Amino acid sequence: MTRVRLFVYGSLRRGERHHAELGDAVFLGVVTTVAHYRVARLGPYPALVSGSASVAGELYAVAPDLMPMLDAFEGPGYVRRLVRLSDGGDAEAYFLAEAPRE
């Protein structure tokens, strides 16, 4: 079974309060994005948006059948899109559905 590469940057990371939502996902390492993103703070939760900074996070290999559950967990305020990593690869990540105005 091919797993989905998922970049996480907030409460799904190891040691954070919602890490268990990743189930049996395989930790692949600590990674950073290219400098085309930033993290917006929405109360207690971070949200990935377009920007000009690198974002640090963790990369996981996730079973495809877990992705609909993670989509529901993240809720309608987040959309899953590809993010470019600094190593030249890419992964899926949860972005804010509508970027906040600056």
PDB file of N, CA and C in Angstrom:
ATOM      1  N   MET A   1       0.851  -1.183   0.000  1.00  0.00           N
ATOM      2  CA  MET A   1       0.000   0.000   0.000  1.00  0.00           C
ATOM      3  C   MET A   1       0.896   1.247   0.000  1.00  0.00           C
ATOM      4  N   THR A   2       0.622   2.147  -0.906  1.00  0.00           N
ATOM      5  CA  THR A   2       1.351   3.405  -0.969  1.00  0.00           C
ATOM      6  C   THR A   2       0.805   4.349   0.085  1.00  0.00           C
ATOM      7  N   ARG A   3       1.700   4.908   0.856  1.00  0.00           N
ATOM      8  CA  ARG A   3       1.282   5.842   1.896  1.00  0.00           C
ATOM      9  C   ARG A   3       1.369   7.279   1.401  1.00  0.00           C
ATOM     10  N   VAL A   4       0.603   8.146   2.017  1.00  0.00           N
ATOM     11  CA  VAL A   4       0.586   9.568   1.706  1.00  0.00           C
ATOM     12  C   VAL A   4       1.652  10.263   2.546  1.00  0.00           C
ATOM     13  N   ARG A   5       2.481  11.076   1.904  1.00  0.00           N
ATOM     14  CA  ARG A   5       3.462  11.885   2.642  1.00  0.00           C
ATOM     15  C   ARG A   5       2.726  13.118   3.176  1.00  0.00           C
ATOM     16  N   LEU A   6       2.720  13.267   4.498  1.00  0.00           N
ATOM     17  CA  LEU A   6       1.987  14.360   5.139  1.00  0.00           C
ATOM     18  C   LEU A   6       2.938  15.199   5.980  1.00  0.00           C
ATOM     19  N   PHE A   7       2.948  16.505   5.708  1.00  0.00           N
ATOM     20  CA  PHE A   7       3.736  17.475   6.469  1.00  0.00           C
ATOM     21  C   PHE A   7       2.832  18.057   7.552  1.00  0.00           C
ATOM     22  N   VAL A   8       3.267  17.965   8.816  1.00  0.00           N
ATOM     23  CA  VAL A   8       2.496  18.544   9.923  1.00  0.00           C
ATOM     24  C   VAL A   8       3.360  19.572  10.645  1.00  0.00           C
ATOM     25  N   TYR A   9       2.732  20.639  11.119  1.00  0.00           N
ATOM     26  CA  TYR A   9       3.467  21.773  11.676  1.00  0.00           C
ATOM     27  C   TYR A   9       2.874  22.279  12.987  1.00  0.00           C
ATOM     28  N   GLY A  10       1.819  21.644  13.456  1.00  0.00           N
ATOM     29  CA  GLY A  10       1.137  22.136  14.655  1.00  0.00           C
ATOM     30  C   GLY A  10       0.848  21.026  15.645  1.00  0.00           C
ATOM     31  N   SER A  11      -0.414  20.910  16.030  1.00  0.00           N
ATOM     32  CA  SER A  11      -0.794  20.008  17.118  1.00  0.00           C
ATOM     33  C   SER A  11      -0.722  18.524  16.758  1.00  0.00           C
ATOM     34  N   LEU A  12      -0.425  18.184  15.500  1.00  0.00           N
ATOM     35  CA  LEU A  12      -0.263  16.781  15.118  1.00  0.00           C
ATOM     36  C   LEU A  12       1.179  16.297  15.293  1.00  0.00           C
ATOM     37  N   ARG A  13       2.095  17.198  15.588  1.00  0.00           N
ATOM     38  CA  ARG A  13       3.502  16.800  15.766  1.00  0.00           C
ATOM     39  C   ARG A  13       3.681  15.934  17.012  1.00  0.00           C
ATOM     40  N   ARG A  14       4.812  15.205  17.045  1.00  0.00           N
ATOM     41  CA  ARG A  14       5.144  14.384  18.210  1.00  0.00           C
ATOM     42  C   ARG A  14       5.135  15.244  19.464  1.00  0.00           C
ATOM     43  N   GLY A  15       4.557  14.711  20.535  1.00  0.00           N
ATOM     44  CA  GLY A  15       4.510  15.415  21.804  1.00  0.00           C
ATOM     45  C   GLY A  15       3.410  16.453  21.915  1.00  0.00           C
ATOM     46  N   GLU A  16       2.688  16.711  20.842  1.00  0.00           N
ATOM     47  CA  GLU A  16       1.599  17.697  20.872  1.00  0.00           C
ATOM     48  C   GLU A  16       0.272  17.002  21.149  1.00  0.00           C
ATOM     49  N   ARG A  17      -0.731  17.787  21.517  1.00  0.00           N
ATOM     50  CA  ARG A  17      -1.981  17.228  22.043  1.00  0.00           C
ATOM     51  C   ARG A  17      -2.791  16.372  21.074  1.00  0.00           C
ATOM     52  N   HIS A  18      -2.618  16.539  19.768  1.00  0.00           N
ATOM     53  CA  HIS A  18      -3.426  15.760  18.821  1.00  0.00           C
ATOM     54  C   HIS A  18      -2.606  14.762  18.006  1.00  0.00           C
ATOM     55  N   HIS A  19      -1.396  14.480  18.450  1.00  0.00           N
ATOM     56  CA  HIS A  19      -0.523  13.559  17.716  1.00  0.00           C
ATOM     57  C   HIS A  19      -1.171  12.185  17.513  1.00  0.00           C
ATOM     58  N   ALA A  20      -1.949  11.710  18.453  1.00  0.00           N
ATOM     59  CA  ALA A  20      -2.585  10.383  18.354  1.00  0.00           C
ATOM     60  C   ALA A  20      -3.509  10.269  17.141  1.00  0.00           C
ATOM     61  N   GLU A  21      -3.979  11.398  16.613  1.00  0.00           N
ATOM     62  CA  GLU A  21      -4.838  11.379  15.419  1.00  0.00           C
ATOM     63  C   GLU A  21      -4.113  10.762  14.223  1.00  0.00           C
ATOM     64  N   LEU A  22      -2.784  10.737  14.242  1.00  0.00           N
ATOM     65  CA  LEU A  22      -2.016  10.169  13.134  1.00  0.00           C
ATOM     66  C   LEU A  22      -1.997   8.651  13.144  1.00  0.00           C
ATOM     67  N   GLY A  23      -2.542   8.037  14.169  1.00  0.00           N
ATOM     68  CA  GLY A  23      -2.644   6.580  14.223  1.00  0.00           C
ATOM     69  C   GLY A  23      -1.298   5.909  14.057  1.00  0.00           C
ATOM     70  N   ASP A  24      -1.206   5.008  13.084  1.00  0.00           N
ATOM     71  CA  ASP A  24       0.032   4.257  12.868  1.00  0.00           C
ATOM     72  C   ASP A  24       0.935   4.894  11.805  1.00  0.00           C
ATOM     73  N   ALA A  25       0.789   6.186  11.588  1.00  0.00           N
ATOM     74  CA  ALA A  25       1.647   6.884  10.618  1.00  0.00           C
ATOM     75  C   ALA A  25       3.114   6.690  10.991  1.00  0.00           C
ATOM     76  N   VAL A  26       3.957   6.619   9.986  1.00  0.00           N
ATOM     77  CA  VAL A  26       5.387   6.402  10.189  1.00  0.00           C
ATOM     78  C   VAL A  26       6.109   7.745  10.131  1.00  0.00           C
ATOM     79  N   PHE A  27       6.835   8.069  11.200  1.00  0.00           N
ATOM     80  CA  PHE A  27       7.614   9.303  11.265  1.00  0.00           C
ATOM     81  C   PHE A  27       8.786   9.181  10.300  1.00  0.00           C
ATOM     82  N   LEU A  28       8.912  10.155   9.376  1.00  0.00           N
ATOM     83  CA  LEU A  28       9.995  10.139   8.391  1.00  0.00           C
ATOM     84  C   LEU A  28      11.095  11.142   8.711  1.00  0.00           C
ATOM     85  N   GLY A  29      10.815  12.112   9.574  1.00  0.00           N
ATOM     86  CA  GLY A  29      11.849  13.056   9.958  1.00  0.00           C
ATOM     87  C   GLY A  29      11.343  14.472  10.135  1.00  0.00           C
ATOM     88  N   VAL A  30      12.245  15.297  10.644  1.00  0.00           N
ATOM     89  CA  VAL A  30      11.987  16.731  10.792  1.00  0.00           C
ATOM     90  C   VAL A  30      12.383  17.387   9.470  1.00  0.00           C
ATOM     91  N   VAL A  31      11.524  18.229   8.944  1.00  0.00           N
ATOM     92  CA  VAL A  31      11.755  18.865   7.650  1.00  0.00           C
ATOM     93  C   VAL A  31      11.351  20.335   7.705  1.00  0.00           C
ATOM     94  N   THR A  32      11.735  21.070   6.677  1.00  0.00           N
ATOM     95  CA  THR A  32      11.284  22.449   6.501  1.00  0.00           C
ATOM     96  C   THR A  32      10.753  22.616   5.082  1.00  0.00           C
ATOM     97  N   THR A  33       9.913  23.598   4.910  1.00  0.00           N
ATOM     98  CA  THR A  33       9.395  23.923   3.584  1.00  0.00           C
ATOM     99  C   THR A  33      10.357  24.886   2.901  1.00  0.00           C
ATOM    100  N   VAL A  34      10.147  25.075   1.612  1.00  0.00           N
ATOM    101  CA  VAL A  34      10.831  26.166   0.929  1.00  0.00           C
ATOM    102  C   VAL A  34      10.231  27.468   1.455  1.00  0.00           C
ATOM    103  N   ALA A  35      10.854  28.582   1.147  1.00  0.00           N
ATOM    104  CA  ALA A  35      10.419  29.882   1.696  1.00  0.00           C
ATOM    105  C   ALA A  35       9.264  30.490   0.901  1.00  0.00           C
ATOM    106  N   HIS A  36       8.134  29.781   0.897  1.00  0.00           N
ATOM    107  CA  HIS A  36       6.933  30.269   0.208  1.00  0.00           C
ATOM    108  C   HIS A  36       5.697  30.201   1.106  1.00  0.00           C
ATOM    109  N   TYR A  37       5.911  30.072   2.410  1.00  0.00           N
ATOM    110  CA  TYR A  37       4.794  29.864   3.328  1.00  0.00           C
ATOM    111  C   TYR A  37       5.011  30.676   4.602  1.00  0.00           C
ATOM    112  N   ARG A  38       4.023  30.651   5.456  1.00  0.00           N
ATOM    113  CA  ARG A  38       4.146  31.174   6.817  1.00  0.00           C
ATOM    114  C   ARG A  38       3.042  30.530   7.648  1.00  0.00           C
ATOM    115  N   VAL A  39       3.175  30.662   8.956  1.00  0.00           N
ATOM    116  CA  VAL A  39       2.161  30.132   9.855  1.00  0.00           C
ATOM    117  C   VAL A  39       1.389  31.306  10.439  1.00  0.00           C
ATOM    118  N   ALA A  40       0.083  31.291  10.252  1.00  0.00           N
ATOM    119  CA  ALA A  40      -0.805  32.289  10.851  1.00  0.00           C
ATOM    120  C   ALA A  40      -1.359  31.686  12.136  1.00  0.00           C
ATOM    121  N   ARG A  41      -1.515  32.482  13.155  1.00  0.00           N
ATOM    122  CA  ARG A  41      -2.077  32.007  14.436  1.00  0.00           C
ATOM    123  C   ARG A  41      -3.564  32.335  14.475  1.00  0.00           C
ATOM    124  N   LEU A  42      -4.365  31.290  14.672  1.00  0.00           N
ATOM    125  CA  LEU A  42      -5.811  31.444  14.792  1.00  0.00           C
ATOM    126  C   LEU A  42      -6.201  30.961  16.176  1.00  0.00           C
ATOM    127  N   GLY A  43      -6.043  31.827  17.141  1.00  0.00           N
ATOM    128  CA  GLY A  43      -6.261  31.405  18.515  1.00  0.00           C
ATOM    129  C   GLY A  43      -5.194  30.393  18.876  1.00  0.00           C
ATOM    130  N   PRO A  44      -5.582  29.238  19.428  1.00  0.00           N
ATOM    131  CA  PRO A  44      -4.582  28.254  19.854  1.00  0.00           C
ATOM    132  C   PRO A  44      -4.026  27.416  18.700  1.00  0.00           C
ATOM    133  N   TYR A  45      -4.587  27.539  17.496  1.00  0.00           N
ATOM    134  CA  TYR A  45      -4.183  26.680  16.391  1.00  0.00           C
ATOM    135  C   TYR A  45      -3.422  27.447  15.322  1.00  0.00           C
ATOM    136  N   PRO A  46      -2.342  26.844  14.823  1.00  0.00           N
ATOM    137  CA  PRO A  46      -1.618  27.453  13.712  1.00  0.00           C
ATOM    138  C   PRO A  46      -2.279  27.073  12.390  1.00  0.00           C
ATOM    139  N   ALA A  47      -2.042  27.871  11.366  1.00  0.00           N
ATOM    140  CA  ALA A  47      -2.580  27.575  10.040  1.00  0.00           C
ATOM    141  C   ALA A  47      -1.538  27.944   8.991  1.00  0.00           C
ATOM    142  N   LEU A  48      -1.284  27.059   8.076  1.00  0.00           N
ATOM    143  CA  LEU A  48      -0.321  27.283   7.012  1.00  0.00           C
ATOM    144  C   LEU A  48      -0.974  28.126   5.926  1.00  0.00           C
ATOM    145  N   VAL A  49      -0.284  29.187   5.505  1.00  0.00           N
ATOM    146  CA  VAL A  49      -0.758  30.072   4.440  1.00  0.00           C
ATOM    147  C   VAL A  49       0.435  30.411   3.546  1.00  0.00           C
ATOM    148  N   SER A  50       0.161  31.022   2.402  1.00  0.00           N
ATOM    149  CA  SER A  50       1.233  31.486   1.528  1.00  0.00           C
ATOM    150  C   SER A  50       1.989  32.605   2.210  1.00  0.00           C
ATOM    151  N   GLY A  51       3.270  32.722   1.914  1.00  0.00           N
ATOM    152  CA  GLY A  51       4.088  33.759   2.517  1.00  0.00           C
ATOM    153  C   GLY A  51       5.485  33.723   1.939  1.00  0.00           C
ATOM    154  N   SER A  52       6.458  34.151   2.713  1.00  0.00           N
ATOM    155  CA  SER A  52       7.835  34.205   2.215  1.00  0.00           C
ATOM    156  C   SER A  52       8.826  33.606   3.204  1.00  0.00           C
ATOM    157  N   ALA A  53       8.355  32.716   4.067  1.00  0.00           N
ATOM    158  CA  ALA A  53       9.228  32.099   5.077  1.00  0.00           C
ATOM    159  C   ALA A  53       9.230  30.580   4.912  1.00  0.00           C
ATOM    160  N   SER A  54      10.207  29.946   5.523  1.00  0.00           N
ATOM    161  CA  SER A  54      10.227  28.487   5.636  1.00  0.00           C
ATOM    162  C   SER A  54       9.484  28.116   6.907  1.00  0.00           C
ATOM    163  N   VAL A  55       8.818  26.992   6.878  1.00  0.00           N
ATOM    164  CA  VAL A  55       8.077  26.503   8.040  1.00  0.00           C
ATOM    165  C   VAL A  55       8.664  25.153   8.436  1.00  0.00           C
ATOM    166  N   ALA A  56       8.994  24.996   9.701  1.00  0.00           N
ATOM    167  CA  ALA A  56       9.519  23.736  10.216  1.00  0.00           C
ATOM    168  C   ALA A  56       8.366  22.823  10.612  1.00  0.00           C
ATOM    169  N   GLY A  57       8.557  21.544  10.411  1.00  0.00           N
ATOM    170  CA  GLY A  57       7.529  20.588  10.792  1.00  0.00           C
ATOM    171  C   GLY A  57       8.070  19.180  10.742  1.00  0.00           C
ATOM    172  N   GLU A  58       7.152  18.236  10.691  1.00  0.00           N
ATOM    173  CA  GLU A  58       7.508  16.824  10.656  1.00  0.00           C
ATOM    174  C   GLU A  58       6.840  16.165   9.456  1.00  0.00           C
ATOM    175  N   LEU A  59       7.503  15.169   8.920  1.00  0.00           N
ATOM    176  CA  LEU A  59       6.998  14.443   7.757  1.00  0.00           C
ATOM    177  C   LEU A  59       6.616  13.027   8.178  1.00  0.00           C
ATOM    178  N   TYR A  60       5.439  12.602   7.757  1.00  0.00           N
ATOM    179  CA  TYR A  60       4.919  11.273   8.079  1.00  0.00           C
ATOM    180  C   TYR A  60       4.461  10.565   6.820  1.00  0.00           C
ATOM    181  N   ALA A  61       4.512   9.239   6.853  1.00  0.00           N
ATOM    182  CA  ALA A  61       3.898   8.391   5.844  1.00  0.00           C
ATOM    183  C   ALA A  61       2.598   7.887   6.464  1.00  0.00           C
ATOM    184  N   VAL A  62       1.488   8.258   5.861  1.00  0.00           N
ATOM    185  CA  VAL A  62       0.162   8.008   6.433  1.00  0.00           C
ATOM    186  C   VAL A  62      -0.619   7.068   5.519  1.00  0.00           C
ATOM    187  N   ALA A  63      -1.312   6.112   6.103  1.00  0.00           N
ATOM    188  CA  ALA A  63      -2.171   5.208   5.332  1.00  0.00           C
ATOM    189  C   ALA A  63      -3.258   6.026   4.634  1.00  0.00           C
ATOM    190  N   PRO A  64      -3.493   5.780   3.345  1.00  0.00           N
ATOM    191  CA  PRO A  64      -4.500   6.551   2.617  1.00  0.00           C
ATOM    192  C   PRO A  64      -5.889   6.517   3.249  1.00  0.00           C
ATOM    193  N   ASP A  65      -6.259   5.394   3.876  1.00  0.00           N
ATOM    194  CA  ASP A  65      -7.593   5.322   4.473  1.00  0.00           C
ATOM    195  C   ASP A  65      -7.733   6.179   5.723  1.00  0.00           C
ATOM    196  N   LEU A  66      -6.634   6.693   6.259  1.00  0.00           N
ATOM    197  CA  LEU A  66      -6.698   7.599   7.404  1.00  0.00           C
ATOM    198  C   LEU A  66      -6.955   9.043   6.975  1.00  0.00           C
ATOM    199  N   MET A  67      -6.672   9.357   5.719  1.00  0.00           N
ATOM    200  CA  MET A  67      -6.766  10.755   5.274  1.00  0.00           C
ATOM    201  C   MET A  67      -8.179  11.345   5.401  1.00  0.00           C
ATOM    202  N   PRO A  68      -9.253  10.635   5.061  1.00  0.00           N
ATOM    203  CA  PRO A  68     -10.585  11.223   5.259  1.00  0.00           C
ATOM    204  C   PRO A  68     -10.871  11.545   6.738  1.00  0.00           C
ATOM    205  N   MET A  69     -10.363  10.721   7.639  1.00  0.00           N
ATOM    206  CA  MET A  69     -10.556  10.995   9.069  1.00  0.00           C
ATOM    207  C   MET A  69      -9.759  12.235   9.492  1.00  0.00           C
ATOM    208  N   LEU A  70      -8.540  12.383   8.961  1.00  0.00           N
ATOM    209  CA  LEU A  70      -7.759  13.578   9.271  1.00  0.00           C
ATOM    210  C   LEU A  70      -8.404  14.825   8.673  1.00  0.00           C
ATOM    211  N   ASP A  71      -8.959  14.686   7.463  1.00  0.00           N
ATOM    212  CA  ASP A  71      -9.672  15.814   6.850  1.00  0.00           C
ATOM    213  C   ASP A  71     -10.828  16.257   7.752  1.00  0.00           C
ATOM    214  N   ALA A  72     -11.582  15.287   8.271  1.00  0.00           N
ATOM    215  CA  ALA A  72     -12.704  15.612   9.162  1.00  0.00           C
ATOM    216  C   ALA A  72     -12.201  16.210  10.466  1.00  0.00           C
ATOM    217  N   PHE A  73     -11.104  15.688  10.987  1.00  0.00           N
ATOM    218  CA  PHE A  73     -10.530  16.224  12.222  1.00  0.00           C
ATOM    219  C   PHE A  73     -10.113  17.686  12.027  1.00  0.00           C
ATOM    220  N   GLU A  74      -9.451  17.985  10.930  1.00  0.00           N
ATOM    221  CA  GLU A  74      -9.012  19.364  10.670  1.00  0.00           C
ATOM    222  C   GLU A  74     -10.198  20.285  10.446  1.00  0.00           C
ATOM    223  N   GLY A  75     -11.264  19.779   9.851  1.00  0.00           N
ATOM    224  CA  GLY A  75     -12.488  20.550   9.692  1.00  0.00           C
ATOM    225  C   GLY A  75     -12.504  21.393   8.426  1.00  0.00           C
ATOM    226  N   PRO A  76     -13.627  22.085   8.215  1.00  0.00           N
ATOM    227  CA  PRO A  76     -13.819  22.834   6.970  1.00  0.00           C
ATOM    228  C   PRO A  76     -12.939  24.085   6.855  1.00  0.00           C
ATOM    229  N   GLY A  77     -12.292  24.487   7.930  1.00  0.00           N
ATOM    230  CA  GLY A  77     -11.429  25.661   7.879  1.00  0.00           C
ATOM    231  C   GLY A  77     -10.071  25.391   7.248  1.00  0.00           C
ATOM    232  N   TYR A  78      -9.795  24.103   6.968  1.00  0.00           N
ATOM    233  CA  TYR A  78      -8.505  23.709   6.403  1.00  0.00           C
ATOM    234  C   TYR A  78      -8.714  22.903   5.126  1.00  0.00           C
ATOM    235  N   VAL A  79      -7.815  23.072   4.169  1.00  0.00           N
ATOM    236  CA  VAL A  79      -7.831  22.286   2.941  1.00  0.00           C
ATOM    237  C   VAL A  79      -6.463  21.620   2.781  1.00  0.00           C
ATOM    238  N   ARG A  80      -6.471  20.441   2.210  1.00  0.00           N
ATOM    239  CA  ARG A  80      -5.222  19.708   2.004  1.00  0.00           C
ATOM    240  C   ARG A  80      -4.701  20.001   0.605  1.00  0.00           C
ATOM    241  N   ARG A  81      -3.438  20.477   0.558  1.00  0.00           N
ATOM    242  CA  ARG A  81      -2.771  20.782  -0.707  1.00  0.00           C
ATOM    243  C   ARG A  81      -1.319  20.343  -0.615  1.00  0.00           C
ATOM    244  N   LEU A  82      -0.630  20.366  -1.756  1.00  0.00           N
ATOM    245  CA  LEU A  82       0.790  20.043  -1.760  1.00  0.00           C
ATOM    246  C   LEU A  82       1.612  21.209  -1.251  1.00  0.00           C
ATOM    247  N   VAL A  83       2.632  20.880  -0.499  1.00  0.00           N
ATOM    248  CA  VAL A  83       3.593  21.861   0.004  1.00  0.00           C
ATOM    249  C   VAL A  83       4.965  21.404  -0.504  1.00  0.00           C
ATOM    250  N   ARG A  84       5.799  22.341  -0.926  1.00  0.00           N
ATOM    251  CA  ARG A  84       7.144  22.025  -1.410  1.00  0.00           C
ATOM    252  C   ARG A  84       8.115  22.063  -0.241  1.00  0.00           C
ATOM    253  N   LEU A  85       8.893  20.994  -0.103  1.00  0.00           N
ATOM    254  CA  LEU A  85       9.863  20.894   0.989  1.00  0.00           C
ATOM    255  C   LEU A  85      11.236  21.362   0.535  1.00  0.00           C
ATOM    256  N   SER A  86      12.066  21.766   1.488  1.00  0.00           N
ATOM    257  CA  SER A  86      13.384  22.314   1.168  1.00  0.00           C
ATOM    258  C   SER A  86      14.319  21.287   0.540  1.00  0.00           C
ATOM    259  N   ASP A  87      14.018  19.985   0.693  1.00  0.00           N
ATOM    260  CA  ASP A  87      14.854  18.953   0.069  1.00  0.00           C
ATOM    261  C   ASP A  87      14.475  18.693  -1.381  1.00  0.00           C
ATOM    262  N   GLY A  88      13.515  19.476  -1.911  1.00  0.00           N
ATOM    263  CA  GLY A  88      13.079  19.330  -3.291  1.00  0.00           C
ATOM    264  C   GLY A  88      11.865  18.431  -3.459  1.00  0.00           C
ATOM    265  N   GLY A  89      11.498  17.712  -2.415  1.00  0.00           N
ATOM    266  CA  GLY A  89      10.317  16.861  -2.467  1.00  0.00           C
ATOM    267  C   GLY A  89       9.058  17.650  -2.145  1.00  0.00           C
ATOM    268  N   ASP A  90       7.956  16.950  -2.122  1.00  0.00           N
ATOM    269  CA  ASP A  90       6.713  17.592  -1.703  1.00  0.00           C
ATOM    270  C   ASP A  90       5.923  16.634  -0.829  1.00  0.00           C
ATOM    271  N   ALA A  91       4.908  17.172  -0.201  1.00  0.00           N
ATOM    272  CA  ALA A  91       4.043  16.407   0.688  1.00  0.00           C
ATOM    273  C   ALA A  91       2.710  17.120   0.753  1.00  0.00           C
ATOM    274  N   GLU A  92       1.722  16.427   1.236  1.00  0.00           N
ATOM    275  CA  GLU A  92       0.442  17.077   1.482  1.00  0.00           C
ATOM    276  C   GLU A  92       0.520  17.776   2.834  1.00  0.00           C
ATOM    277  N   ALA A  93      -0.242  18.852   2.971  1.00  0.00           N
ATOM    278  CA  ALA A  93      -0.294  19.612   4.223  1.00  0.00           C
ATOM    279  C   ALA A  93      -1.651  20.283   4.314  1.00  0.00           C
ATOM    280  N   TYR A  94      -2.023  20.616   5.539  1.00  0.00           N
ATOM    281  CA  TYR A  94      -3.284  21.321   5.749  1.00  0.00           C
ATOM    282  C   TYR A  94      -3.049  22.816   5.769  1.00  0.00           C
ATOM    283  N   PHE A  95      -3.684  23.501   4.822  1.00  0.00           N
ATOM    284  CA  PHE A  95      -3.600  24.958   4.689  1.00  0.00           C
ATOM    285  C   PHE A  95      -4.900  25.567   5.186  1.00  0.00           C
ATOM    286  N   LEU A  96      -4.829  26.797   5.619  1.00  0.00           N
ATOM    287  CA  LEU A  96      -6.031  27.548   5.950  1.00  0.00           C
ATOM    288  C   LEU A  96      -6.869  27.658   4.686  1.00  0.00           C
ATOM    289  N   ALA A  97      -8.156  27.369   4.790  1.00  0.00           N
ATOM    290  CA  ALA A  97      -9.027  27.393   3.614  1.00  0.00           C
ATOM    291  C   ALA A  97      -9.096  28.779   2.991  1.00  0.00           C
ATOM    292  N   GLU A  98      -9.077  29.809   3.806  1.00  0.00           N
ATOM    293  CA  GLU A  98      -9.086  31.176   3.296  1.00  0.00           C
ATOM    294  C   GLU A  98      -8.049  31.943   4.077  1.00  0.00           C
ATOM    295  N   ALA A  99      -7.039  32.461   3.393  1.00  0.00           N
ATOM    296  CA  ALA A  99      -5.945  33.163   4.056  1.00  0.00           C
ATOM    297  C   ALA A  99      -6.448  34.419   4.762  1.00  0.00           C
ATOM    298  N   PRO A 100      -5.951  34.690   5.975  1.00  0.00           N
ATOM    299  CA  PRO A 100      -6.359  35.904   6.684  1.00  0.00           C
ATOM    300  C   PRO A 100      -5.806  37.142   5.985  1.00  0.00           C
ATOM    301  N   ARG A 101      -6.517  38.216   6.088  1.00  0.00           N
ATOM    302  CA  ARG A 101      -6.041  39.488   5.525  1.00  0.00           C
ATOM    303  C   ARG A 101      -5.012  40.099   6.433  1.00  0.00           C
ATOM    304  N   GLU A 102      -3.986  40.653   5.816  1.00  0.00           N
ATOM    305  CA  GLU A 102      -2.907  41.264   6.633  1.00  0.00           C
ATOM    306  C   GLU A 102      -3.112  42.736   6.764  1.00  0.00           C
TER     307      GLU A 102
END
